[in-house]
Amino acid sequence: QVQLVESGGGLVQAGGSLRLSCAASGSIFSSSTMAWYRQAPGKQRELVAAITSGGRLTYADSVKGRFTISRANAKNTVYLQMNSLKPEDTAIYYCNANKTRWPFYDYWGQGTQVTVSS
């Protein structure tokens, strides 16, 4: 069974930085697309950033230039460096591991709260 464990969330003032980490158990990490999603109160979950097994990057327009996703395959860990944080970045951030070719899978972490005060 694959487990994804996020860490690094917390409370920060606007303009500050946080780094989220997601550690994956099991042997799927290197072949997975790893992603960060977020869900704010009353809103749908949205993709923040993703990195494929080959290193291709995707970012939501709202975080381009401020957030950076990276992965360390040797550590089975994906990171999200968040700079210049804004109050609208406040949300629960979820780690996701997925594969869209056989064998398919889609795993989620439990989420970590990020709160940005104005």
Protein backbone atom coordinates (compact mmCIF):
# COMPACT_ATOMS: atom_id res chain seq x y z
CA GLN A 1 0.00 0.00 0.00
CA VAL A 2 1.36 3.40 -0.98
CA GLN A 3 1.36 6.18 1.57
CA LEU A 4 2.00 9.86 0.94
CA VAL A 5 2.88 11.96 3.97
CA GLU A 6 2.97 15.75 3.66
CA SER A 7 4.78 18.10 5.98
CA GLY A 8 5.86 21.72 6.11
CA GLY A 9 2.56 23.54 6.30
CA GLY A 10 1.86 26.27 8.79
CA LEU A 11 1.05 29.92 9.36
CA VAL A 12 3.06 32.59 7.57
CA GLN A 13 2.66 36.29 6.86
CA ALA A 14 2.01 37.56 3.37
CA GLY A 15 5.24 37.78 1.42
CA GLY A 16 6.79 34.92 3.35
CA SER A 17 7.89 31.46 2.25
CA LEU A 18 7.18 27.85 3.08
CA ARG A 19 8.47 24.56 1.73
CA LEU A 20 6.17 21.58 1.62
CA SER A 21 7.49 18.04 1.47
CA CYS A 22 5.76 14.81 0.53
CA ALA A 23 7.41 11.50 1.29
CA ALA A 24 6.14 8.43 -0.53
CA SER A 25 6.37 4.87 0.65
CA GLY A 26 6.51 1.93 -1.72
CA SER A 27 8.33 1.52 -5.00
CA ILE A 28 6.21 3.65 -7.32
CA PHE A 29 7.82 7.03 -6.83
CA SER A 30 10.28 7.14 -9.70
CA SER A 31 7.62 6.18 -12.27
CA SER A 32 4.94 8.52 -10.93
CA THR A 33 3.82 11.96 -11.88
CA MET A 34 3.90 13.83 -8.58
CA ALA A 35 1.63 16.78 -8.02
CA TRP A 36 0.43 19.26 -5.45
CA TYR A 37 -3.22 20.27 -5.28
CA ARG A 38 -4.94 22.66 -2.93
CA GLN A 39 -8.44 23.23 -1.69
CA ALA A 40 -9.60 26.43 -0.06
CA PRO A 41 -12.82 26.59 2.00
CA GLY A 42 -15.85 26.58 -0.26
CA LYS A 43 -13.79 25.99 -3.39
CA GLN A 44 -12.97 23.00 -5.56
CA ARG A 45 -9.65 21.25 -5.34
CA GLU A 46 -7.25 22.66 -7.94
CA LEU A 47 -3.92 21.67 -9.39
CA VAL A 48 -1.06 23.81 -8.12
CA ALA A 49 1.97 22.15 -9.72
CA ALA A 50 3.05 18.82 -11.18
CA ILE A 51 6.27 17.12 -12.22
CA THR A 52 6.36 14.02 -14.39
CA SER A 53 8.79 11.14 -14.02
CA GLY A 54 10.75 12.73 -16.87
CA GLY A 55 10.87 16.11 -15.18
CA ARG A 56 8.25 17.98 -17.21
CA LEU A 57 6.71 20.78 -15.12
CA THR A 58 3.22 22.21 -14.95
CA TYR A 59 2.08 25.19 -12.87
CA ALA A 60 -1.21 26.91 -12.25
CA ASP A 61 -1.15 30.45 -13.63
CA SER A 62 -1.78 31.83 -10.15
CA VAL A 63 1.50 30.45 -8.78
CA LYS A 64 3.86 30.80 -11.76
CA GLY A 65 7.01 32.63 -10.78
CA ARG A 66 6.33 32.14 -7.06
CA PHE A 67 6.16 28.37 -6.51
CA THR A 68 8.66 25.70 -7.56
CA ILE A 69 8.04 21.96 -7.60
CA SER A 70 10.95 19.54 -7.50
CA ARG A 71 11.55 15.87 -6.78
CA ALA A 72 14.30 13.79 -5.24
CA ASN A 73 13.86 10.25 -6.51
CA ALA A 74 16.57 8.89 -4.23
CA LYS A 75 14.55 10.13 -1.25
CA ASN A 76 11.09 9.32 -2.66
CA THR A 77 10.19 12.92 -1.91
CA VAL A 78 8.58 15.77 -3.79
CA TYR A 79 8.83 19.38 -2.67
CA LEU A 80 6.88 22.57 -3.21
CA GLN A 81 8.83 25.74 -2.51
CA MET A 82 6.35 28.57 -2.04
CA ASN A 83 7.63 32.15 -2.09
CA SER A 84 5.89 35.53 -2.02
CA LEU A 85 2.87 33.92 -0.41
CA LYS A 86 -0.47 35.68 -0.60
CA PRO A 87 -3.58 35.35 1.58
CA GLU A 88 -5.33 33.72 -1.39
CA ASP A 89 -2.81 30.86 -1.19
CA THR A 90 -4.45 29.80 2.07
CA ALA A 91 -5.72 26.24 1.63
CA ILE A 92 -5.15 22.62 2.47
CA TYR A 93 -2.39 21.34 0.22
CA TYR A 94 -2.51 17.73 -0.94
CA CYS A 95 0.21 15.57 -2.44
CA ASN A 96 -0.74 13.28 -5.31
CA ALA A 97 1.03 10.43 -7.06
CA ASN A 98 -0.47 9.15 -10.28
CA LYS A 99 0.25 7.17 -13.40
CA THR A 100 -1.93 7.41 -16.49
CA ARG A 101 -0.51 4.39 -18.26
CA TRP A 102 -0.91 0.79 -17.10
CA PRO A 103 -0.63 -0.01 -14.28
CA PHE A 104 -2.80 2.97 -13.46
CA TYR A 105 -2.96 4.46 -9.99
CA ASP A 106 -3.88 7.63 -8.16
CA TYR A 107 -2.84 8.15 -4.55
CA TRP A 108 -3.44 11.07 -2.20
CA GLY A 109 -1.90 12.30 0.99
CA GLN A 110 -3.88 13.50 3.98
CA GLY A 111 -3.18 17.18 3.35
CA THR A 112 -1.34 19.93 5.18
CA GLN A 113 -2.78 23.32 6.09
CA VAL A 114 -1.16 26.48 4.75
CA THR A 115 -2.46 29.76 6.16
CA VAL A 116 -1.19 33.11 4.92
CA SER A 117 -2.10 36.12 7.02
CA SER A 118 -2.40 39.62 5.60
